[in-house]
Each structure stands twice: as C-alpha cells, then as structure tokens.
Amino acid sequence: PASLSPSVCLCLGSAFIKTLFPENLEAEKKGRPTTASSKIKKQANNLVQTLMKCTPHYIRCIKPNETKKPRDWEDTRAKHQVEYLGLRENIRVR
C-alpha cells in the first residue's frame, strides 16, 4: 500500500512475521479477517479445554515447628497453616 513506508511493507512480507500470524482459513470462509483478539480467544478456549481434561494434584507443605527439630509438633502452628492455606475448603469440595 502507498500509505505505508517501504520498510514497513518489507517487514510485513518477512517469513518471521508470517509465522507469527499464519493465515486462518476458517475466518476467510466466514468473510471476516482474522484479528488478534480472535486468535487470543481461540487460544484461550483451547487452553481451557486442555485444562478441563486434566486432573490436577496439589501438594501443600506444612511446617510442624520453627526449630526444625524432628518429632516437635506445634498444634497451633499447624492449625494456622491449614486455615491460612484453605485446606479445609479444598477437602470439602472434593
């Protein structure tokens, strides 16, 4: 296009730029050009679909004491961590 500088036109035709924005044949069938927001939406939907197929597992570490001594258990410290991490709610949900 005449309104773009020659360096911009050169960049738009580069192979690197074309790999960043591949042609979307589905959008052409609908008569609408592919936009950045439609690509982001499609990628987000694909990510959500992938995550929904997974079964997540979480590991929560609880420090039994401040002294780092074996067999030294502080109930108040452990209860505070369980409450703070929301472990009770996680167990109820499952």
N, C-alpha and C. Protein backbone atom coordinates (compact mmCIF):
# COMPACT_ATOMS: atom_id res chain seq x y z
N PRO A 1 0.83 -1.20 0.00
CA PRO A 1 0.00 0.00 0.00
C PRO A 1 0.87 1.25 0.00
N ALA A 2 0.37 2.30 -0.64
CA ALA A 2 1.13 3.55 -0.77
C ALA A 2 1.26 4.29 0.54
N SER A 3 0.34 4.09 1.47
CA SER A 3 0.37 4.84 2.72
C SER A 3 1.40 4.29 3.70
N LEU A 4 1.90 3.09 3.50
CA LEU A 4 2.90 2.51 4.39
C LEU A 4 4.30 2.78 3.87
N SER A 5 5.22 2.95 4.79
CA SER A 5 6.60 3.18 4.38
C SER A 5 7.17 1.89 3.80
N PRO A 6 8.17 2.00 2.96
CA PRO A 6 8.77 0.80 2.34
C PRO A 6 9.32 -0.19 3.36
N SER A 7 9.88 0.32 4.47
CA SER A 7 10.43 -0.60 5.47
C SER A 7 9.33 -1.40 6.16
N VAL A 8 8.17 -0.77 6.38
CA VAL A 8 7.04 -1.49 6.99
C VAL A 8 6.53 -2.55 6.03
N CYS A 9 6.41 -2.21 4.77
CA CYS A 9 5.97 -3.18 3.77
C CYS A 9 6.93 -4.36 3.69
N LEU A 10 8.20 -4.09 3.79
CA LEU A 10 9.21 -5.14 3.76
C LEU A 10 9.06 -6.07 4.96
N CYS A 11 8.83 -5.48 6.13
CA CYS A 11 8.65 -6.27 7.35
C CYS A 11 7.40 -7.14 7.28
N LEU A 12 6.33 -6.61 6.72
CA LEU A 12 5.08 -7.36 6.64
C LEU A 12 5.22 -8.59 5.75
N GLY A 13 6.12 -8.55 4.80
CA GLY A 13 6.32 -9.67 3.91
C GLY A 13 7.35 -10.68 4.40
N SER A 14 7.95 -10.43 5.56
CA SER A 14 9.01 -11.33 6.03
C SER A 14 8.45 -12.67 6.50
N ALA A 15 9.25 -13.69 6.40
CA ALA A 15 8.83 -15.04 6.81
C ALA A 15 8.56 -15.11 8.31
N PHE A 16 9.33 -14.36 9.09
CA PHE A 16 9.14 -14.36 10.54
C PHE A 16 7.76 -13.84 10.91
N ILE A 17 7.36 -12.73 10.34
CA ILE A 17 6.04 -12.15 10.61
C ILE A 17 4.94 -13.10 10.16
N LYS A 18 5.13 -13.76 9.05
CA LYS A 18 4.12 -14.71 8.56
C LYS A 18 3.98 -15.91 9.48
N THR A 19 5.07 -16.33 10.14
CA THR A 19 4.94 -17.44 11.10
C THR A 19 4.23 -17.01 12.36
N LEU A 20 4.35 -15.73 12.72
CA LEU A 20 3.64 -15.23 13.90
C LEU A 20 2.14 -15.16 13.65
N PHE A 21 1.76 -14.86 12.44
CA PHE A 21 0.35 -14.68 12.10
C PHE A 21 0.00 -15.52 10.87
N PRO A 22 -0.15 -16.83 11.05
CA PRO A 22 -0.49 -17.68 9.91
C PRO A 22 -1.91 -17.39 9.43
N GLU A 23 -2.15 -17.67 8.20
CA GLU A 23 -3.47 -17.45 7.63
C GLU A 23 -4.47 -18.40 8.27
N ASN A 24 -5.64 -17.88 8.57
CA ASN A 24 -6.70 -18.69 9.17
C ASN A 24 -7.78 -18.89 8.12
N LEU A 25 -7.88 -20.11 7.62
CA LEU A 25 -8.82 -20.39 6.54
C LEU A 25 -10.26 -20.31 7.01
N GLU A 26 -10.54 -20.63 8.28
CA GLU A 26 -11.91 -20.58 8.79
C GLU A 26 -12.45 -19.16 8.75
N ALA A 27 -11.64 -18.19 9.09
CA ALA A 27 -12.09 -16.80 9.09
C ALA A 27 -12.39 -16.34 7.66
N GLU A 28 -11.62 -16.82 6.70
CA GLU A 28 -11.85 -16.43 5.32
C GLU A 28 -13.17 -16.99 4.82
N LYS A 29 -13.55 -18.16 5.26
CA LYS A 29 -14.81 -18.76 4.86
C LYS A 29 -15.99 -17.92 5.35
N LYS A 30 -15.84 -17.32 6.51
CA LYS A 30 -16.91 -16.50 7.09
C LYS A 30 -16.92 -15.10 6.47
N GLY A 31 -15.90 -14.75 5.75
CA GLY A 31 -15.83 -13.44 5.14
C GLY A 31 -15.26 -12.37 6.06
N ARG A 32 -14.74 -12.78 7.22
CA ARG A 32 -14.16 -11.82 8.16
C ARG A 32 -12.66 -12.06 8.25
N PRO A 33 -11.89 -11.00 8.36
CA PRO A 33 -10.44 -11.19 8.53
C PRO A 33 -10.12 -11.66 9.95
N THR A 34 -9.03 -12.37 10.08
CA THR A 34 -8.57 -12.82 11.39
C THR A 34 -8.00 -11.64 12.15
N THR A 35 -8.42 -11.49 13.40
CA THR A 35 -7.91 -10.40 14.23
C THR A 35 -7.10 -10.98 15.38
N ALA A 36 -6.32 -10.13 16.01
CA ALA A 36 -5.52 -10.57 17.16
C ALA A 36 -6.43 -11.04 18.28
N SER A 37 -7.54 -10.35 18.49
CA SER A 37 -8.45 -10.76 19.58
C SER A 37 -9.10 -12.10 19.30
N SER A 38 -9.40 -12.40 18.04
CA SER A 38 -9.99 -13.71 17.74
C SER A 38 -8.97 -14.82 17.94
N LYS A 39 -7.70 -14.55 17.64
CA LYS A 39 -6.66 -15.54 17.87
C LYS A 39 -6.47 -15.79 19.37
N ILE A 40 -6.47 -14.71 20.15
CA ILE A 40 -6.32 -14.85 21.61
C ILE A 40 -7.50 -15.63 22.18
N LYS A 41 -8.69 -15.32 21.71
CA LYS A 41 -9.89 -16.02 22.20
C LYS A 41 -9.81 -17.52 21.87
N LYS A 42 -9.40 -17.84 20.66
CA LYS A 42 -9.28 -19.24 20.25
C LYS A 42 -8.22 -19.96 21.09
N GLN A 43 -7.07 -19.32 21.31
CA GLN A 43 -6.02 -19.93 22.11
C GLN A 43 -6.47 -20.11 23.56
N ALA A 44 -7.20 -19.14 24.10
CA ALA A 44 -7.70 -19.27 25.47
C ALA A 44 -8.70 -20.41 25.58
N ASN A 45 -9.57 -20.54 24.59
CA ASN A 45 -10.53 -21.66 24.59
C ASN A 45 -9.82 -23.00 24.52
N ASN A 46 -8.79 -23.09 23.69
CA ASN A 46 -8.02 -24.34 23.60
C ASN A 46 -7.33 -24.66 24.92
N LEU A 47 -6.80 -23.64 25.59
CA LEU A 47 -6.16 -23.84 26.88
C LEU A 47 -7.16 -24.34 27.92
N VAL A 48 -8.33 -23.73 27.96
CA VAL A 48 -9.36 -24.16 28.92
C VAL A 48 -9.78 -25.59 28.63
N GLN A 49 -9.95 -25.96 27.37
CA GLN A 49 -10.32 -27.33 27.03
C GLN A 49 -9.24 -28.31 27.48
N THR A 50 -7.98 -27.97 27.30
CA THR A 50 -6.88 -28.83 27.74
C THR A 50 -6.88 -28.98 29.25
N LEU A 51 -7.07 -27.87 29.97
CA LEU A 51 -7.07 -27.92 31.43
C LEU A 51 -8.25 -28.71 31.97
N MET A 52 -9.39 -28.65 31.30
CA MET A 52 -10.56 -29.38 31.77
C MET A 52 -10.38 -30.89 31.62
N LYS A 53 -9.50 -31.32 30.73
CA LYS A 53 -9.23 -32.75 30.54
C LYS A 53 -8.29 -33.30 31.62
N CYS A 54 -7.62 -32.42 32.34
CA CYS A 54 -6.61 -32.83 33.32
C CYS A 54 -7.22 -33.05 34.70
N THR A 55 -6.50 -33.79 35.51
CA THR A 55 -6.85 -33.96 36.91
C THR A 55 -5.71 -33.38 37.73
N PRO A 56 -5.89 -32.17 38.24
CA PRO A 56 -4.79 -31.53 38.97
C PRO A 56 -4.57 -32.15 40.34
N HIS A 57 -3.34 -32.17 40.77
CA HIS A 57 -2.96 -32.64 42.10
C HIS A 57 -2.10 -31.56 42.73
N TYR A 58 -2.37 -31.31 44.00
CA TYR A 58 -1.64 -30.27 44.70
C TYR A 58 -0.94 -30.86 45.91
N ILE A 59 0.24 -30.36 46.18
CA ILE A 59 0.98 -30.76 47.37
C ILE A 59 1.16 -29.51 48.21
N ARG A 60 0.72 -29.57 49.44
CA ARG A 60 0.88 -28.45 50.37
C ARG A 60 1.80 -28.90 51.49
N CYS A 61 2.81 -28.12 51.76
CA CYS A 61 3.75 -28.43 52.83
C CYS A 61 3.38 -27.63 54.06
N ILE A 62 3.37 -28.29 55.20
CA ILE A 62 3.09 -27.64 56.47
C ILE A 62 4.31 -27.79 57.34
N LYS A 63 4.80 -26.66 57.85
CA LYS A 63 5.95 -26.70 58.76
C LYS A 63 5.45 -27.07 60.15
N PRO A 64 5.97 -28.15 60.73
CA PRO A 64 5.48 -28.57 62.04
C PRO A 64 5.99 -27.70 63.18
N ASN A 65 7.13 -27.02 62.97
CA ASN A 65 7.70 -26.20 64.05
C ASN A 65 8.69 -25.20 63.46
N GLU A 66 9.13 -24.27 64.30
CA GLU A 66 10.12 -23.27 63.88
C GLU A 66 11.54 -23.74 64.16
N THR A 67 11.70 -24.72 65.03
CA THR A 67 13.03 -25.14 65.46
C THR A 67 13.68 -26.13 64.51
N LYS A 68 12.90 -26.68 63.58
CA LYS A 68 13.38 -27.68 62.62
C LYS A 68 13.88 -28.95 63.31
N LYS A 69 13.32 -29.24 64.46
CA LYS A 69 13.68 -30.45 65.19
C LYS A 69 12.70 -31.56 64.84
N PRO A 70 13.17 -32.80 64.73
CA PRO A 70 12.25 -33.90 64.47
C PRO A 70 11.35 -34.16 65.68
N ARG A 71 10.15 -34.64 65.38
CA ARG A 71 9.16 -35.02 66.39
C ARG A 71 8.76 -33.85 67.30
N ASP A 72 8.90 -32.63 66.83
CA ASP A 72 8.49 -31.45 67.59
C ASP A 72 7.31 -30.83 66.83
N TRP A 73 6.10 -31.13 67.29
CA TRP A 73 4.89 -30.71 66.59
C TRP A 73 4.19 -29.61 67.37
N GLU A 74 3.94 -28.48 66.71
CA GLU A 74 3.23 -27.37 67.33
C GLU A 74 1.82 -27.31 66.74
N ASP A 75 0.82 -27.72 67.54
CA ASP A 75 -0.55 -27.78 67.04
C ASP A 75 -1.05 -26.43 66.53
N THR A 76 -0.79 -25.38 67.28
CA THR A 76 -1.32 -24.07 66.88
C THR A 76 -0.71 -23.61 65.55
N ARG A 77 0.56 -23.91 65.36
CA ARG A 77 1.22 -23.53 64.11
C ARG A 77 0.62 -24.31 62.93
N ALA A 78 0.43 -25.61 63.10
CA ALA A 78 -0.13 -26.43 62.03
C ALA A 78 -1.57 -26.02 61.72
N LYS A 79 -2.37 -25.77 62.74
CA LYS A 79 -3.77 -25.36 62.53
C LYS A 79 -3.84 -24.03 61.78
N HIS A 80 -2.96 -23.11 62.15
CA HIS A 80 -2.93 -21.81 61.48
C HIS A 80 -2.62 -21.99 59.99
N GLN A 81 -1.67 -22.84 59.66
CA GLN A 81 -1.30 -23.06 58.26
C GLN A 81 -2.43 -23.73 57.49
N VAL A 82 -3.09 -24.71 58.11
CA VAL A 82 -4.21 -25.38 57.46
C VAL A 82 -5.31 -24.38 57.15
N GLU A 83 -5.60 -23.50 58.10
CA GLU A 83 -6.63 -22.49 57.91
C GLU A 83 -6.20 -21.47 56.86
N TYR A 84 -4.97 -21.00 56.92
CA TYR A 84 -4.46 -19.98 56.01
C TYR A 84 -4.42 -20.49 54.56
N LEU A 85 -4.04 -21.74 54.36
CA LEU A 85 -3.95 -22.32 53.02
C LEU A 85 -5.32 -22.72 52.46
N GLY A 86 -6.35 -22.71 53.30
CA GLY A 86 -7.68 -23.08 52.85
C GLY A 86 -7.83 -24.56 52.58
N LEU A 87 -7.09 -25.39 53.31
CA LEU A 87 -7.12 -26.83 53.06
C LEU A 87 -8.46 -27.45 53.43
N ARG A 88 -9.12 -26.93 54.45
CA ARG A 88 -10.43 -27.48 54.83
C ARG A 88 -11.43 -27.33 53.69
N GLU A 89 -11.44 -26.16 53.06
CA GLU A 89 -12.36 -25.92 51.96
C GLU A 89 -12.05 -26.83 50.78
N ASN A 90 -10.76 -27.05 50.50
CA ASN A 90 -10.38 -27.95 49.41
C ASN A 90 -10.85 -29.36 49.67
N ILE A 91 -10.74 -29.81 50.90
CA ILE A 91 -11.16 -31.17 51.24
C ILE A 91 -12.67 -31.29 51.13
N ARG A 92 -13.42 -30.27 51.56
CA ARG A 92 -14.88 -30.29 51.47
C ARG A 92 -15.35 -30.37 50.03
N VAL A 93 -14.70 -29.64 49.15
CA VAL A 93 -15.09 -29.61 47.74
C VAL A 93 -14.90 -30.98 47.11
N ARG A 94 -13.84 -31.64 47.43
CA ARG A 94 -13.56 -32.95 46.83
C ARG A 94 -14.43 -33.98 47.49
